[in-house]
Amino acid sequence: DTALDSFSHPTPNLHLLTDKMAALSTSAFTGKAIVAKVQIRAKASKASVVVKASASDNKSKAVSLLVAGIVALNAAPALALNSIELTDQRVTNKEGLQLIYEARDLNIAESTRQAGASRFAFQKLTTAQTAVRAKESISRLDQDMVTYVNKAYWTQAANELRRQVGTMRFDINNLVENKGTGKAEAKAFFKSVEKLDFAIRQKDKDAAIAALAVAQTQGDALMKSLA
């Protein structure tokens, strides 16, 4: 009973200790509030410094823009004195320079056999012009190709043959279509040219000489029949 009584009725010393702790907690809270106010004032002073710096930056930018505008106005009369030269390219373009680049012109097709303009790399010539260019290509087989193959200049021989085959095939096919005959002979001739190209790539001199002789004979006979 004595222990319970002492627990339920605290001594005066215990009441004094509780009051002191409450006082300390109140003073500590007040101290924190004061410190917080000081921090807020410090932040406000920092913000005012930043505003002053941005104002000076804007002032310098305004001065820079003003100087740039003055320089541009002073340079304008000098630029106005330069003459603009115009070149008339209508005739050049009409001859076919811009044909393959006119992607928006729906009247220009990619057909290689139509009369007139085409986006194809080779433009269809007249029959006389086509025959002249085809004869020139076949004459290269009789002249330059013979030298390259006999001397085993394989790189030069391959490049020369490839240069001639593009227009030669295109022109011979056009001549065959216009003439209406010689389709089988043209096919046999192109087959011989392909054999010659293969022999050159294999660096087989004997096979290249034989294939070149056959191609020369067939090419000359074909051009005579299509003339």
Protein backbone atom coordinates (compact mmCIF):
# COMPACT_ATOMS: atom_id res chain seq x y z
CA ASP A 1 0.00 0.00 0.00
CA THR A 2 2.78 2.40 0.83
CA ALA A 3 4.39 1.89 -2.59
CA LEU A 4 1.10 2.43 -4.40
CA ASP A 5 0.42 5.59 -2.44
CA SER A 6 3.76 7.02 -3.29
CA PHE A 7 3.19 6.26 -7.05
CA SER A 8 -0.30 7.76 -7.19
CA HIS A 9 0.72 10.89 -5.24
CA PRO A 10 3.98 12.21 -6.72
CA THR A 11 6.26 14.18 -4.59
CA PRO A 12 6.60 17.98 -4.93
CA ASN A 13 10.10 17.50 -6.38
CA LEU A 14 8.62 15.62 -9.33
CA HIS A 15 6.23 18.50 -10.07
CA LEU A 16 9.13 20.96 -10.07
CA LEU A 17 11.09 18.82 -12.54
CA THR A 18 8.13 18.64 -14.91
CA ASP A 19 7.65 22.41 -14.88
CA LYS A 20 11.34 23.00 -15.65
CA MET A 21 11.22 20.64 -18.67
CA ALA A 22 8.15 22.41 -20.04
CA ALA A 23 9.90 25.75 -19.68
CA LEU A 24 12.97 24.47 -21.52
CA SER A 25 10.88 23.09 -24.37
CA THR A 26 9.07 26.40 -24.75
CA SER A 27 12.31 28.40 -24.80
CA ALA A 28 13.82 26.00 -27.33
CA PHE A 29 10.79 26.32 -29.65
CA THR A 30 11.00 30.10 -29.41
CA GLY A 31 14.68 29.99 -30.24
CA LYS A 32 14.00 27.91 -33.37
CA ALA A 33 11.37 30.37 -34.51
CA ILE A 34 13.79 33.26 -34.12
CA VAL A 35 16.45 31.40 -36.08
CA ALA A 36 13.93 30.62 -38.83
CA LYS A 37 13.07 34.30 -39.19
CA VAL A 38 16.72 35.18 -39.57
CA GLN A 39 17.08 32.60 -42.34
CA ILE A 40 14.10 34.00 -44.22
CA ARG A 41 15.59 37.48 -44.16
CA ALA A 42 18.88 36.11 -45.46
CA LYS A 43 17.14 34.46 -48.42
CA ALA A 44 15.32 37.68 -49.26
CA SER A 45 18.60 39.59 -49.37
CA LYS A 46 20.07 36.98 -51.77
CA ALA A 47 17.06 37.29 -54.06
CA SER A 48 17.55 41.03 -54.37
CA VAL A 49 21.16 40.49 -55.50
CA VAL A 50 20.03 38.13 -58.27
CA VAL A 51 17.53 40.68 -59.57
CA LYS A 52 20.24 43.31 -59.82
CA ALA A 53 22.48 40.92 -61.81
CA SER A 54 19.73 40.07 -64.33
CA ALA A 55 19.02 43.75 -64.88
CA SER A 56 22.66 44.42 -65.75
CA ASP A 57 22.67 41.47 -68.18
CA ASN A 58 19.59 42.79 -69.96
CA LYS A 59 21.24 46.18 -70.25
CA SER A 60 24.35 44.70 -71.88
CA LYS A 61 22.22 42.66 -74.29
CA ALA A 62 20.30 45.77 -75.29
CA VAL A 63 23.55 47.59 -76.02
CA SER A 64 24.81 44.68 -78.13
CA LEU A 65 21.62 44.62 -80.19
CA LEU A 66 21.84 48.35 -80.74
CA VAL A 67 25.43 48.09 -82.01
CA ALA A 68 24.54 45.19 -84.32
CA GLY A 69 21.64 47.18 -85.78
CA ILE A 70 23.86 50.17 -86.49
CA VAL A 71 26.42 47.97 -88.27
CA ALA A 72 23.69 46.34 -90.40
CA LEU A 73 22.26 49.71 -91.43
CA ASN A 74 25.68 50.97 -92.44
CA ALA A 75 26.36 47.82 -94.52
CA ALA A 76 23.01 47.91 -96.36
CA PRO A 77 23.98 50.57 -98.96
CA ALA A 78 27.16 48.66 -99.84
CA LEU A 79 25.22 45.45 -100.39
CA ALA A 80 22.66 47.25 -102.54
CA LEU A 81 25.38 48.33 -104.99
CA ASN A 82 26.25 44.71 -105.91
CA SER A 83 24.61 43.74 -109.21
CA ILE A 84 22.77 40.45 -109.58
CA GLU A 85 23.66 38.63 -112.79
CA LEU A 86 21.00 36.41 -114.33
CA THR A 87 21.90 33.65 -116.78
CA ASP A 88 19.39 32.43 -119.32
CA GLN A 89 19.45 28.62 -119.21
CA ARG A 90 16.19 27.98 -121.01
CA VAL A 91 17.83 26.69 -124.18
CA THR A 92 20.23 24.48 -122.22
CA ASN A 93 17.44 22.98 -120.15
CA LYS A 94 15.34 22.45 -123.25
CA GLU A 95 18.14 20.34 -124.75
CA GLY A 96 17.81 17.84 -121.89
CA LEU A 97 20.13 18.96 -119.09
CA GLN A 98 17.45 18.94 -116.40
CA LEU A 99 15.32 16.06 -117.63
CA ILE A 100 16.36 13.46 -115.06
CA TYR A 101 15.84 15.98 -112.21
CA GLU A 102 12.32 17.06 -113.11
CA ALA A 103 10.60 14.73 -110.66
CA ARG A 104 7.43 16.86 -110.48
CA ASP A 105 6.87 16.90 -114.23
CA LEU A 106 4.39 14.07 -114.74
CA ASN A 107 4.63 14.35 -118.52
CA ILE A 108 8.21 13.01 -118.46
CA ALA A 109 8.20 9.23 -118.10
CA GLU A 110 11.04 6.79 -117.46
CA SER A 111 10.44 4.79 -120.61
CA THR A 112 13.57 4.22 -122.68
CA ARG A 113 11.70 3.76 -125.94
CA GLN A 114 9.38 6.75 -126.08
CA ALA A 115 9.92 9.58 -128.52
CA GLY A 116 11.01 12.80 -126.84
CA ALA A 117 12.22 13.47 -123.33
CA SER A 118 12.79 10.74 -120.77
CA ARG A 119 14.24 10.51 -117.28
CA PHE A 120 16.37 7.58 -118.38
CA ALA A 121 20.15 8.15 -118.30
CA PHE A 122 20.39 7.83 -122.11
CA GLN A 123 18.12 10.00 -124.23
CA LYS A 124 16.67 8.44 -127.35
CA LEU A 125 18.38 9.95 -130.38
CA THR A 126 17.27 10.03 -133.96
CA THR A 127 17.91 6.92 -136.05
CA ALA A 128 20.88 8.51 -137.79
CA GLN A 129 22.42 9.70 -134.51
CA THR A 130 21.84 6.31 -132.91
CA ALA A 131 23.63 4.52 -135.77
CA VAL A 132 26.63 6.87 -135.52
CA ARG A 133 27.03 6.32 -131.78
CA ALA A 134 26.62 2.54 -132.11
CA LYS A 135 29.28 2.37 -134.84
CA GLU A 136 31.65 4.37 -132.67
CA SER A 137 31.19 1.93 -129.79
CA ILE A 138 31.83 -1.11 -131.97
CA SER A 139 34.91 0.56 -133.49
CA ARG A 140 36.38 0.67 -129.98
CA LEU A 141 36.26 -3.14 -130.00
CA ASP A 142 38.35 -3.16 -133.17
CA GLN A 143 40.92 -0.64 -131.88
CA ASP A 144 41.40 -0.06 -128.17
CA MET A 145 40.18 -3.46 -126.96
CA VAL A 146 42.59 -5.31 -129.23
CA THR A 147 45.54 -3.41 -127.72
CA TYR A 148 44.44 -3.94 -124.12
CA VAL A 149 43.73 -7.64 -124.50
CA ASN A 150 46.94 -8.43 -126.40
CA LYS A 151 49.01 -6.63 -123.75
CA ALA A 152 46.99 -8.13 -120.88
CA TYR A 153 45.97 -4.71 -119.58
CA TRP A 154 42.99 -6.23 -117.80
CA THR A 155 41.90 -3.15 -115.84
CA GLN A 156 41.92 -0.91 -118.91
CA ALA A 157 40.21 -3.58 -121.01
CA ALA A 158 37.43 -4.10 -118.46
CA ASN A 159 36.81 -0.36 -118.03
CA GLU A 160 36.76 0.30 -121.78
CA LEU A 161 34.31 -2.54 -122.42
CA ARG A 162 31.98 -1.39 -119.65
CA ARG A 163 32.02 2.18 -120.97
CA GLN A 164 30.94 1.07 -124.43
CA VAL A 165 28.41 -1.60 -123.49
CA GLY A 166 25.98 0.89 -121.87
CA THR A 167 25.24 3.04 -124.90
CA MET A 168 25.96 0.22 -127.36
CA ARG A 169 23.23 -2.03 -126.00
CA PHE A 170 20.80 0.88 -125.77
CA ASP A 171 21.50 2.07 -129.34
CA ILE A 172 21.46 -1.38 -130.97
CA ASN A 173 18.13 -2.21 -129.32
CA ASN A 174 16.67 1.05 -130.67
CA LEU A 175 18.01 0.31 -134.16
CA VAL A 176 16.57 -3.21 -134.07
CA GLU A 177 13.18 -1.83 -133.04
CA ASN A 178 13.20 0.79 -135.79
CA LYS A 179 14.39 -1.67 -138.42
CA GLY A 180 12.16 -4.53 -137.34
CA THR A 181 14.89 -7.13 -137.94
CA GLY A 182 18.16 -8.31 -136.39
CA LYS A 183 16.84 -9.18 -132.94
CA ALA A 184 18.44 -12.66 -132.90
CA GLU A 185 21.73 -11.34 -134.25
CA ALA A 186 21.81 -8.62 -131.60
CA LYS A 187 21.17 -11.16 -128.85
CA ALA A 188 24.03 -13.37 -130.11
CA PHE A 189 26.33 -10.35 -130.25
CA PHE A 190 25.59 -9.35 -126.66
CA LYS A 191 26.23 -12.94 -125.59
CA SER A 192 29.69 -12.79 -127.16
CA VAL A 193 30.39 -9.48 -125.41
CA GLU A 194 29.45 -11.06 -122.06
CA LYS A 195 31.86 -13.94 -122.74
CA LEU A 196 34.58 -11.40 -123.50
CA ASP A 197 33.88 -9.57 -120.25
CA PHE A 198 34.07 -12.85 -118.29
CA ALA A 199 37.41 -13.80 -119.91
CA ILE A 200 38.81 -10.36 -119.03
CA ARG A 201 37.71 -10.69 -115.41
CA GLN A 202 39.32 -14.14 -115.27
CA LYS A 203 42.48 -12.73 -116.89
CA ASP A 204 42.36 -15.52 -119.45
CA LYS A 205 44.23 -14.10 -122.42
CA ASP A 206 43.49 -16.91 -124.89
CA ALA A 207 39.76 -16.93 -124.11
CA ALA A 208 39.64 -13.11 -124.26
CA ILE A 209 41.33 -13.02 -127.69
CA ALA A 210 38.91 -15.64 -129.06
CA ALA A 211 35.81 -13.93 -127.61
CA LEU A 212 36.96 -10.56 -128.92
CA ALA A 213 37.37 -11.90 -132.45
CA VAL A 214 33.83 -13.32 -132.42
CA ALA A 215 32.39 -10.08 -131.02
CA GLN A 216 34.15 -8.02 -133.69
CA THR A 217 32.79 -10.17 -136.52
CA GLN A 218 29.24 -10.20 -135.16
CA GLY A 219 29.25 -6.49 -134.36
CA ASP A 220 30.42 -5.42 -137.83
CA ALA A 221 27.86 -7.69 -139.53
CA LEU A 222 25.08 -6.42 -137.25
CA MET A 223 25.78 -2.76 -137.99
CA LYS A 224 25.79 -3.41 -141.73
CA SER A 225 22.37 -5.10 -141.50
CA LEU A 226 20.90 -2.28 -139.41
CA ALA A 227 22.34 0.58 -141.49
